[in-house]
Amino acid sequence: AVKMLGAMYFFLRGTPFIYQGQELG
């Protein structure tokens, strides 16, 4: 579920921003 949520926003049109710790879920 955490990976799915990440992909949903990451491939939208625009520059993706990742907040520290988000990449760990």
mmCIF file of all heavy atoms, coordinates in Angstrom:
data_MODEL
# 
_entry.id   MODEL 
# 
loop_
_atom_site.group_PDB 
_atom_site.id 
_atom_site.type_symbol 
_atom_site.label_atom_id 
_atom_site.label_alt_id 
_atom_site.label_comp_id 
_atom_site.label_asym_id 
_atom_site.label_entity_id 
_atom_site.label_seq_id 
_atom_site.pdbx_PDB_ins_code 
_atom_site.Cartn_x 
_atom_site.Cartn_y 
_atom_site.Cartn_z 
_atom_site.occupancy 
_atom_site.B_iso_or_equiv 
_atom_site.pdbx_formal_charge 
_atom_site.auth_seq_id 
_atom_site.auth_comp_id 
_atom_site.auth_asym_id 
_atom_site.auth_atom_id 
_atom_site.pdbx_PDB_model_num 
ATOM 1   N N   . ALA A 1 1  ? 0.833  -1.209 0.000   1.00 0.00 ? 1  ALA A N   1 
ATOM 2   C CA  . ALA A 1 1  ? 0.000  0.000  0.000   1.00 0.00 ? 1  ALA A CA  1 
ATOM 3   C C   . ALA A 1 1  ? 0.869  1.261  0.000   1.00 0.00 ? 1  ALA A C   1 
ATOM 4   O O   . ALA A 1 1  ? 0.577  2.231  -0.709  1.00 0.00 ? 1  ALA A O   1 
ATOM 5   C CB  . ALA A 1 1  ? -0.932 -0.010 1.215   1.00 0.00 ? 1  ALA A CB  1 
ATOM 6   N N   . VAL A 1 2  ? 1.940  1.231  0.772   1.00 0.00 ? 2  VAL A N   1 
ATOM 7   C CA  . VAL A 1 2  ? 2.834  2.398  0.862   1.00 0.00 ? 2  VAL A CA  1 
ATOM 8   C C   . VAL A 1 2  ? 3.500  2.653  -0.498  1.00 0.00 ? 2  VAL A C   1 
ATOM 9   O O   . VAL A 1 2  ? 3.611  3.804  -0.948  1.00 0.00 ? 2  VAL A O   1 
ATOM 10  C CB  . VAL A 1 2  ? 3.888  2.181  1.971   1.00 0.00 ? 2  VAL A CB  1 
ATOM 11  C CG1 . VAL A 1 2  ? 4.919  3.293  1.974   1.00 0.00 ? 2  VAL A CG1 1 
ATOM 12  C CG2 . VAL A 1 2  ? 3.203  2.077  3.338   1.00 0.00 ? 2  VAL A CG2 1 
ATOM 13  N N   . LYS A 1 3  ? 3.914  1.581  -1.167  1.00 0.00 ? 3  LYS A N   1 
ATOM 14  C CA  . LYS A 1 3  ? 4.528  1.733  -2.503  1.00 0.00 ? 3  LYS A CA  1 
ATOM 15  C C   . LYS A 1 3  ? 3.505  2.263  -3.508  1.00 0.00 ? 3  LYS A C   1 
ATOM 16  O O   . LYS A 1 3  ? 3.814  3.119  -4.339  1.00 0.00 ? 3  LYS A O   1 
ATOM 17  C CB  . LYS A 1 3  ? 5.076  0.378  -2.984  1.00 0.00 ? 3  LYS A CB  1 
ATOM 18  C CG  . LYS A 1 3  ? 6.259  -0.127 -2.185  1.00 0.00 ? 3  LYS A CG  1 
ATOM 19  C CD  . LYS A 1 3  ? 6.616  -1.548 -2.629  1.00 0.00 ? 3  LYS A CD  1 
ATOM 20  C CE  . LYS A 1 3  ? 7.659  -2.177 -1.733  1.00 0.00 ? 3  LYS A CE  1 
ATOM 21  N NZ  . LYS A 1 3  ? 7.908  -3.590 -2.081  1.00 0.00 ? 3  LYS A NZ  1 
ATOM 22  N N   . MET A 1 4  ? 2.289  1.734  -3.453  1.00 0.00 ? 4  MET A N   1 
ATOM 23  C CA  . MET A 1 4  ? 1.232  2.167  -4.371  1.00 0.00 ? 4  MET A CA  1 
ATOM 24  C C   . MET A 1 4  ? 0.970  3.669  -4.208  1.00 0.00 ? 4  MET A C   1 
ATOM 25  O O   . MET A 1 4  ? 0.891  4.415  -5.189  1.00 0.00 ? 4  MET A O   1 
ATOM 26  C CB  . MET A 1 4  ? -0.033 1.345  -4.083  1.00 0.00 ? 4  MET A CB  1 
ATOM 27  C CG  . MET A 1 4  ? -1.251 1.683  -4.920  1.00 0.00 ? 4  MET A CG  1 
ATOM 28  S SD  . MET A 1 4  ? -2.226 3.062  -4.289  1.00 0.00 ? 4  MET A SD  1 
ATOM 29  C CE  . MET A 1 4  ? -2.647 2.488  -2.644  1.00 0.00 ? 4  MET A CE  1 
ATOM 30  N N   . LEU A 1 5  ? 0.854  4.112  -2.950  1.00 0.00 ? 5  LEU A N   1 
ATOM 31  C CA  . LEU A 1 5  ? 0.614  5.532  -2.680  1.00 0.00 ? 5  LEU A CA  1 
ATOM 32  C C   . LEU A 1 5  ? 1.765  6.380  -3.244  1.00 0.00 ? 5  LEU A C   1 
ATOM 33  O O   . LEU A 1 5  ? 1.538  7.430  -3.869  1.00 0.00 ? 5  LEU A O   1 
ATOM 34  C CB  . LEU A 1 5  ? 0.483  5.749  -1.168  1.00 0.00 ? 5  LEU A CB  1 
ATOM 35  C CG  . LEU A 1 5  ? 0.363  7.197  -0.681  1.00 0.00 ? 5  LEU A CG  1 
ATOM 36  C CD1 . LEU A 1 5  ? -0.913 7.846  -1.195  1.00 0.00 ? 5  LEU A CD1 1 
ATOM 37  C CD2 . LEU A 1 5  ? 0.408  7.249  0.854   1.00 0.00 ? 5  LEU A CD2 1 
ATOM 38  N N   . GLY A 1 6  ? 2.995  5.912  -3.034  1.00 0.00 ? 6  GLY A N   1 
ATOM 39  C CA  . GLY A 1 6  ? 4.164  6.635  -3.547  1.00 0.00 ? 6  GLY A CA  1 
ATOM 40  C C   . GLY A 1 6  ? 4.138  6.770  -5.058  1.00 0.00 ? 6  GLY A C   1 
ATOM 41  O O   . GLY A 1 6  ? 4.376  7.850  -5.606  1.00 0.00 ? 6  GLY A O   1 
ATOM 42  N N   . ALA A 1 7  ? 3.814  5.690  -5.753  1.00 0.00 ? 7  ALA A N   1 
ATOM 43  C CA  . ALA A 1 7  ? 3.790  5.717  -7.225  1.00 0.00 ? 7  ALA A CA  1 
ATOM 44  C C   . ALA A 1 7  ? 2.687  6.642  -7.736  1.00 0.00 ? 7  ALA A C   1 
ATOM 45  O O   . ALA A 1 7  ? 2.865  7.360  -8.719  1.00 0.00 ? 7  ALA A O   1 
ATOM 46  C CB  . ALA A 1 7  ? 3.611  4.308  -7.774  1.00 0.00 ? 7  ALA A CB  1 
ATOM 47  N N   . MET A 1 8  ? 1.537  6.624  -7.047  1.00 0.00 ? 8  MET A N   1 
ATOM 48  C CA  . MET A 1 8  ? 0.394  7.416  -7.510  1.00 0.00 ? 8  MET A CA  1 
ATOM 49  C C   . MET A 1 8  ? 0.776  8.891  -7.660  1.00 0.00 ? 8  MET A C   1 
ATOM 50  O O   . MET A 1 8  ? 0.454  9.537  -8.651  1.00 0.00 ? 8  MET A O   1 
ATOM 51  C CB  . MET A 1 8  ? -0.768 7.264  -6.522  1.00 0.00 ? 8  MET A CB  1 
ATOM 52  C CG  . MET A 1 8  ? -2.043 7.990  -6.916  1.00 0.00 ? 8  MET A CG  1 
ATOM 53  S SD  . MET A 1 8  ? -2.065 9.756  -6.559  1.00 0.00 ? 8  MET A SD  1 
ATOM 54  C CE  . MET A 1 8  ? -1.965 9.750  -4.758  1.00 0.00 ? 8  MET A CE  1 
ATOM 55  N N   . TYR A 1 9  ? 1.472  9.431  -6.650  1.00 0.00 ? 9  TYR A N   1 
ATOM 56  C CA  . TYR A 1 9  ? 1.795  10.859 -6.749  1.00 0.00 ? 9  TYR A CA  1 
ATOM 57  C C   . TYR A 1 9  ? 3.078  11.101 -7.551  1.00 0.00 ? 9  TYR A C   1 
ATOM 58  O O   . TYR A 1 9  ? 3.240  12.123 -8.210  1.00 0.00 ? 9  TYR A O   1 
ATOM 59  C CB  . TYR A 1 9  ? 1.906  11.482 -5.337  1.00 0.00 ? 9  TYR A CB  1 
ATOM 60  C CG  . TYR A 1 9  ? 3.326  11.649 -4.853  1.00 0.00 ? 9  TYR A CG  1 
ATOM 61  C CD1 . TYR A 1 9  ? 4.011  12.858 -5.004  1.00 0.00 ? 9  TYR A CD1 1 
ATOM 62  C CD2 . TYR A 1 9  ? 4.016  10.578 -4.278  1.00 0.00 ? 9  TYR A CD2 1 
ATOM 63  C CE1 . TYR A 1 9  ? 5.327  12.989 -4.593  1.00 0.00 ? 9  TYR A CE1 1 
ATOM 64  C CE2 . TYR A 1 9  ? 5.323  10.712 -3.867  1.00 0.00 ? 9  TYR A CE2 1 
ATOM 65  C CZ  . TYR A 1 9  ? 5.982  11.919 -4.031  1.00 0.00 ? 9  TYR A CZ  1 
ATOM 66  O OH  . TYR A 1 9  ? 7.292  12.051 -3.640  1.00 0.00 ? 9  TYR A OH  1 
ATOM 67  N N   . PHE A 1 10 ? 4.018  10.137 -7.515  1.00 0.00 ? 10 PHE A N   1 
ATOM 68  C CA  . PHE A 1 10 ? 5.339  10.350 -8.102  1.00 0.00 ? 10 PHE A CA  1 
ATOM 69  C C   . PHE A 1 10 ? 5.278  10.526 -9.621  1.00 0.00 ? 10 PHE A C   1 
ATOM 70  O O   . PHE A 1 10 ? 6.071  11.265 -10.202 1.00 0.00 ? 10 PHE A O   1 
ATOM 71  C CB  . PHE A 1 10 ? 6.269  9.177  -7.742  1.00 0.00 ? 10 PHE A CB  1 
ATOM 72  C CG  . PHE A 1 10 ? 7.717  9.446  -8.061  1.00 0.00 ? 10 PHE A CG  1 
ATOM 73  C CD1 . PHE A 1 10 ? 8.513  10.143 -7.168  1.00 0.00 ? 10 PHE A CD1 1 
ATOM 74  C CD2 . PHE A 1 10 ? 8.279  9.022  -9.254  1.00 0.00 ? 10 PHE A CD2 1 
ATOM 75  C CE1 . PHE A 1 10 ? 9.846  10.415 -7.455  1.00 0.00 ? 10 PHE A CE1 1 
ATOM 76  C CE2 . PHE A 1 10 ? 9.612  9.280  -9.555  1.00 0.00 ? 10 PHE A CE2 1 
ATOM 77  C CZ  . PHE A 1 10 ? 10.393 9.976  -8.647  1.00 0.00 ? 10 PHE A CZ  1 
ATOM 78  N N   . PHE A 1 11 ? 4.315  9.854  -10.271 1.00 0.00 ? 11 PHE A N   1 
ATOM 79  C CA  . PHE A 1 11 ? 4.257  9.903  -11.737 1.00 0.00 ? 11 PHE A CA  1 
ATOM 80  C C   . PHE A 1 11 ? 3.224  10.894 -12.273 1.00 0.00 ? 11 PHE A C   1 
ATOM 81  O O   . PHE A 1 11 ? 2.908  10.899 -13.456 1.00 0.00 ? 11 PHE A O   1 
ATOM 82  C CB  . PHE A 1 11 ? 4.041  8.494  -12.302 1.00 0.00 ? 11 PHE A CB  1 
ATOM 83  C CG  . PHE A 1 11 ? 5.231  7.601  -12.053 1.00 0.00 ? 11 PHE A CG  1 
ATOM 84  C CD1 . PHE A 1 11 ? 5.167  6.567  -11.126 1.00 0.00 ? 11 PHE A CD1 1 
ATOM 85  C CD2 . PHE A 1 11 ? 6.434  7.824  -12.698 1.00 0.00 ? 11 PHE A CD2 1 
ATOM 86  C CE1 . PHE A 1 11 ? 6.269  5.762  -10.856 1.00 0.00 ? 11 PHE A CE1 1 
ATOM 87  C CE2 . PHE A 1 11 ? 7.552  7.034  -12.450 1.00 0.00 ? 11 PHE A CE2 1 
ATOM 88  C CZ  . PHE A 1 11 ? 7.469  5.997  -11.526 1.00 0.00 ? 11 PHE A CZ  1 
ATOM 89  N N   . LEU A 1 12 ? 2.720  11.756 -11.387 1.00 0.00 ? 12 LEU A N   1 
ATOM 90  C CA  . LEU A 1 12 ? 1.895  12.878 -11.851 1.00 0.00 ? 12 LEU A CA  1 
ATOM 91  C C   . LEU A 1 12 ? 2.771  13.828 -12.664 1.00 0.00 ? 12 LEU A C   1 
ATOM 92  O O   . LEU A 1 12 ? 4.003  13.774 -12.599 1.00 0.00 ? 12 LEU A O   1 
ATOM 93  C CB  . LEU A 1 12 ? 1.305  13.628 -10.657 1.00 0.00 ? 12 LEU A CB  1 
ATOM 94  C CG  . LEU A 1 12 ? 0.290  12.852 -9.796  1.00 0.00 ? 12 LEU A CG  1 
ATOM 95  C CD1 . LEU A 1 12 ? 0.031  13.596 -8.486  1.00 0.00 ? 12 LEU A CD1 1 
ATOM 96  C CD2 . LEU A 1 12 ? -1.015 12.616 -10.545 1.00 0.00 ? 12 LEU A CD2 1 
ATOM 97  N N   . ARG A 1 13 ? 2.148  14.726 -13.419 1.00 0.00 ? 13 ARG A N   1 
ATOM 98  C CA  . ARG A 1 13 ? 2.922  15.697 -14.203 1.00 0.00 ? 13 ARG A CA  1 
ATOM 99  C C   . ARG A 1 13 ? 3.431  16.797 -13.264 1.00 0.00 ? 13 ARG A C   1 
ATOM 100 O O   . ARG A 1 13 ? 2.657  17.441 -12.569 1.00 0.00 ? 13 ARG A O   1 
ATOM 101 C CB  . ARG A 1 13 ? 2.029  16.307 -15.290 1.00 0.00 ? 13 ARG A CB  1 
ATOM 102 C CG  . ARG A 1 13 ? 2.720  17.351 -16.150 1.00 0.00 ? 13 ARG A CG  1 
ATOM 103 C CD  . ARG A 1 13 ? 1.748  17.910 -17.189 1.00 0.00 ? 13 ARG A CD  1 
ATOM 104 N NE  . ARG A 1 13 ? 2.359  19.001 -17.917 1.00 0.00 ? 13 ARG A NE  1 
ATOM 105 C CZ  . ARG A 1 13 ? 2.400  20.265 -17.502 1.00 0.00 ? 13 ARG A CZ  1 
ATOM 106 N NH1 . ARG A 1 13 ? 1.855  20.590 -16.340 1.00 0.00 ? 13 ARG A NH1 1 
ATOM 107 N NH2 . ARG A 1 13 ? 2.966  21.208 -18.246 1.00 0.00 ? 13 ARG A NH2 1 
ATOM 108 N N   . GLY A 1 14 ? 4.744  16.978 -13.239 1.00 0.00 ? 14 GLY A N   1 
ATOM 109 C CA  . GLY A 1 14 ? 5.339  17.984 -12.355 1.00 0.00 ? 14 GLY A CA  1 
ATOM 110 C C   . GLY A 1 14 ? 6.620  17.457 -11.746 1.00 0.00 ? 14 GLY A C   1 
ATOM 111 O O   . GLY A 1 14 ? 7.059  16.338 -12.037 1.00 0.00 ? 14 GLY A O   1 
ATOM 112 N N   . THR A 1 15 ? 7.220  18.259 -10.896 1.00 0.00 ? 15 THR A N   1 
ATOM 113 C CA  . THR A 1 15 ? 8.455  17.872 -10.200 1.00 0.00 ? 15 THR A CA  1 
ATOM 114 C C   . THR A 1 15 ? 8.082  17.187 -8.890  1.00 0.00 ? 15 THR A C   1 
ATOM 115 O O   . THR A 1 15 ? 7.386  17.788 -8.068  1.00 0.00 ? 15 THR A O   1 
ATOM 116 C CB  . THR A 1 15 ? 9.319  19.124 -9.935  1.00 0.00 ? 15 THR A CB  1 
ATOM 117 O OG1 . THR A 1 15 ? 9.694  19.703 -11.188 1.00 0.00 ? 15 THR A OG1 1 
ATOM 118 C CG2 . THR A 1 15 ? 10.559 18.784 -9.134  1.00 0.00 ? 15 THR A CG2 1 
ATOM 119 N N   . PRO A 1 16 ? 8.526  15.936 -8.675  1.00 0.00 ? 16 PRO A N   1 
ATOM 120 C CA  . PRO A 1 16 ? 8.190  15.255 -7.418  1.00 0.00 ? 16 PRO A CA  1 
ATOM 121 C C   . PRO A 1 16 ? 9.094  15.688 -6.261  1.00 0.00 ? 16 PRO A C   1 
ATOM 122 O O   . PRO A 1 16 ? 10.299 15.835 -6.424  1.00 0.00 ? 16 PRO A O   1 
ATOM 123 C CB  . PRO A 1 16 ? 8.398  13.764 -7.745  1.00 0.00 ? 16 PRO A CB  1 
ATOM 124 C CG  . PRO A 1 16 ? 9.283  13.730 -8.943  1.00 0.00 ? 16 PRO A CG  1 
ATOM 125 C CD  . PRO A 1 16 ? 9.254  15.064 -9.608  1.00 0.00 ? 16 PRO A CD  1 
ATOM 126 N N   . PHE A 1 17 ? 8.463  15.884 -5.107  1.00 0.00 ? 17 PHE A N   1 
ATOM 127 C CA  . PHE A 1 17 ? 9.167  16.217 -3.867  1.00 0.00 ? 17 PHE A CA  1 
ATOM 128 C C   . PHE A 1 17 ? 9.002  15.042 -2.907  1.00 0.00 ? 17 PHE A C   1 
ATOM 129 O O   . PHE A 1 17 ? 7.880  14.594 -2.673  1.00 0.00 ? 17 PHE A O   1 
ATOM 130 C CB  . PHE A 1 17 ? 8.573  17.478 -3.236  1.00 0.00 ? 17 PHE A CB  1 
ATOM 131 C CG  . PHE A 1 17 ? 8.982  18.761 -3.914  1.00 0.00 ? 17 PHE A CG  1 
ATOM 132 C CD1 . PHE A 1 17 ? 8.553  19.045 -5.204  1.00 0.00 ? 17 PHE A CD1 1 
ATOM 133 C CD2 . PHE A 1 17 ? 9.810  19.668 -3.279  1.00 0.00 ? 17 PHE A CD2 1 
ATOM 134 C CE1 . PHE A 1 17 ? 8.933  20.230 -5.848  1.00 0.00 ? 17 PHE A CE1 1 
ATOM 135 C CE2 . PHE A 1 17 ? 10.201 20.854 -3.910  1.00 0.00 ? 17 PHE A CE2 1 
ATOM 136 C CZ  . PHE A 1 17 ? 9.758  21.123 -5.195  1.00 0.00 ? 17 PHE A CZ  1 
ATOM 137 N N   . ILE A 1 18 ? 10.123 14.574 -2.361  1.00 0.00 ? 18 ILE A N   1 
ATOM 138 C CA  . ILE A 1 18 ? 10.105 13.481 -1.375  1.00 0.00 ? 18 ILE A CA  1 
ATOM 139 C C   . ILE A 1 18 ? 10.547 14.091 -0.044  1.00 0.00 ? 18 ILE A C   1 
ATOM 140 O O   . ILE A 1 18 ? 11.582 14.761 0.018   1.00 0.00 ? 18 ILE A O   1 
ATOM 141 C CB  . ILE A 1 18 ? 11.094 12.367 -1.781  1.00 0.00 ? 18 ILE A CB  1 
ATOM 142 C CG1 . ILE A 1 18 ? 10.709 11.759 -3.136  1.00 0.00 ? 18 ILE A CG1 1 
ATOM 143 C CG2 . ILE A 1 18 ? 11.172 11.276 -0.707  1.00 0.00 ? 18 ILE A CG2 1 
ATOM 144 C CD1 . ILE A 1 18 ? 11.808 10.877 -3.743  1.00 0.00 ? 18 ILE A CD1 1 
ATOM 145 N N   . TYR A 1 19 ? 9.793  13.865 1.008   1.00 0.00 ? 19 TYR A N   1 
ATOM 146 C CA  . TYR A 1 19 ? 10.175 14.385 2.322   1.00 0.00 ? 19 TYR A CA  1 
ATOM 147 C C   . TYR A 1 19 ? 10.957 13.323 3.094   1.00 0.00 ? 19 TYR A C   1 
ATOM 148 O O   . TYR A 1 19 ? 10.641 12.129 3.002   1.00 0.00 ? 19 TYR A O   1 
ATOM 149 C CB  . TYR A 1 19 ? 8.920  14.798 3.110   1.00 0.00 ? 19 TYR A CB  1 
ATOM 150 C CG  . TYR A 1 19 ? 9.268  15.333 4.488   1.00 0.00 ? 19 TYR A CG  1 
ATOM 151 C CD1 . TYR A 1 19 ? 9.846  16.591 4.628   1.00 0.00 ? 19 TYR A CD1 1 
ATOM 152 C CD2 . TYR A 1 19 ? 9.074  14.567 5.629   1.00 0.00 ? 19 TYR A CD2 1 
ATOM 153 C CE1 . TYR A 1 19 ? 10.213 17.080 5.880   1.00 0.00 ? 19 TYR A CE1 1 
ATOM 154 C CE2 . TYR A 1 19 ? 9.425  15.057 6.887   1.00 0.00 ? 19 TYR A CE2 1 
ATOM 155 C CZ  . TYR A 1 19 ? 10.004 16.310 6.997   1.00 0.00 ? 19 TYR A CZ  1 
ATOM 156 O OH  . TYR A 1 19 ? 10.373 16.779 8.231   1.00 0.00 ? 19 TYR A OH  1 
ATOM 157 N N   . GLN A 1 20 ? 11.952 13.735 3.855   1.00 0.00 ? 20 GLN A N   1 
ATOM 158 C CA  . GLN A 1 20 ? 12.822 12.767 4.542   1.00 0.00 ? 20 GLN A CA  1 
ATOM 159 C C   . GLN A 1 20 ? 12.009 11.728 5.320   1.00 0.00 ? 20 GLN A C   1 
ATOM 160 O O   . GLN A 1 20 ? 11.098 12.064 6.075   1.00 0.00 ? 20 GLN A O   1 
ATOM 161 C CB  . GLN A 1 20 ? 13.813 13.478 5.460   1.00 0.00 ? 20 GLN A CB  1 
ATOM 162 C CG  . GLN A 1 20 ? 13.204 14.183 6.645   1.00 0.00 ? 20 GLN A CG  1 
ATOM 163 C CD  . GLN A 1 20 ? 14.257 14.899 7.492   1.00 0.00 ? 20 GLN A CD  1 
ATOM 164 O OE1 . GLN A 1 20 ? 15.112 15.613 6.982   1.00 0.00 ? 20 GLN A OE1 1 
ATOM 165 N NE2 . GLN A 1 20 ? 14.192 14.715 8.803   1.00 0.00 ? 20 GLN A NE2 1 
ATOM 166 N N   . GLY A 1 21 ? 12.351 10.451 5.121   1.00 0.00 ? 21 GLY A N   1 
ATOM 167 C CA  . GLY A 1 21 ? 11.655 9.362  5.811   1.00 0.00 ? 21 GLY A CA  1 
ATOM 168 C C   . GLY A 1 21 ? 10.482 8.815  5.026   1.00 0.00 ? 21 GLY A C   1 
ATOM 169 O O   . GLY A 1 21 ? 10.031 7.694  5.263   1.00 0.00 ? 21 GLY A O   1 
ATOM 170 N N   . GLN A 1 22 ? 9.981  9.603  4.073   1.00 0.00 ? 22 GLN A N   1 
ATOM 171 C CA  . GLN A 1 22 ? 8.886  9.130  3.216   1.00 0.00 ? 22 GLN A CA  1 
ATOM 172 C C   . GLN A 1 22 ? 9.339  7.911  2.414   1.00 0.00 ? 22 GLN A C   1 
ATOM 173 O O   . GLN A 1 22 ? 8.568  6.963  2.205   1.00 0.00 ? 22 GLN A O   1 
ATOM 174 C CB  . GLN A 1 22 ? 8.469  10.261 2.277   1.00 0.00 ? 22 GLN A CB  1 
ATOM 175 C CG  . GLN A 1 22 ? 7.349  9.918  1.312   1.00 0.00 ? 22 GLN A CG  1 
ATOM 176 C CD  . GLN A 1 22 ? 7.117  11.041 0.304   1.00 0.00 ? 22 GLN A CD  1 
ATOM 177 O OE1 . GLN A 1 22 ? 7.195  12.216 0.633   1.00 0.00 ? 22 GLN A OE1 1 
ATOM 178 N NE2 . GLN A 1 22 ? 6.843  10.682 -0.940  1.00 0.00 ? 22 GLN A NE2 1 
ATOM 179 N N   . GLU A 1 23 ? 10.618 7.936  2.005   1.00 0.00 ? 23 GLU A N   1 
ATOM 180 C CA  . GLU A 1 23 ? 11.153 6.829  1.198   1.00 0.00 ? 23 GLU A CA  1 
ATOM 181 C C   . GLU A 1 23 ? 11.315 5.550  2.012   1.00 0.00 ? 23 GLU A C   1 
ATOM 182 O O   . GLU A 1 23 ? 11.636 4.499  1.450   1.00 0.00 ? 23 GLU A O   1 
ATOM 183 C CB  . GLU A 1 23 ? 12.486 7.244  0.557   1.00 0.00 ? 23 GLU A CB  1 
ATOM 184 C CG  . GLU A 1 23 ? 13.695 7.238  1.464   1.00 0.00 ? 23 GLU A CG  1 
ATOM 185 C CD  . GLU A 1 23 ? 13.847 8.466  2.379   1.00 0.00 ? 23 GLU A CD  1 
ATOM 186 O OE1 . GLU A 1 23 ? 12.888 9.259  2.504   1.00 0.00 ? 23 GLU A OE1 1 
ATOM 187 O OE2 . GLU A 1 23 ? 14.935 8.631  2.964   1.00 0.00 ? 23 GLU A OE2 1 
ATOM 188 N N   . LEU A 1 24 ? 11.098 5.641  3.329   1.00 0.00 ? 24 LEU A N   1 
ATOM 189 C CA  . LEU A 1 24 ? 11.119 4.441  4.181   1.00 0.00 ? 24 LEU A CA  1 
ATOM 190 C C   . LEU A 1 24 ? 9.708  4.006  4.543   1.00 0.00 ? 24 LEU A C   1 
ATOM 191 O O   . LEU A 1 24 ? 9.519  2.963  5.181   1.00 0.00 ? 24 LEU A O   1 
ATOM 192 C CB  . LEU A 1 24 ? 11.895 4.726  5.474   1.00 0.00 ? 24 LEU A CB  1 
ATOM 193 C CG  . LEU A 1 24 ? 13.340 5.228  5.333   1.00 0.00 ? 24 LEU A CG  1 
ATOM 194 C CD1 . LEU A 1 24 ? 13.935 5.519  6.707   1.00 0.00 ? 24 LEU A CD1 1 
ATOM 195 C CD2 . LEU A 1 24 ? 14.197 4.220  4.577   1.00 0.00 ? 24 LEU A CD2 1 
ATOM 196 N N   . GLY A 1 25 ? 8.710  4.834  4.203   1.00 0.00 ? 25 GLY A N   1 
ATOM 197 C CA  . GLY A 1 25 ? 7.333  4.539  4.620   1.00 0.00 ? 25 GLY A CA  1 
ATOM 198 C C   . GLY A 1 25 ? 7.102  4.861  6.085   1.00 0.00 ? 25 GLY A C   1 
ATOM 199 O O   . GLY A 1 25 ? 6.346  4.171  6.772   1.00 0.00 ? 25 GLY A O   1 
# 
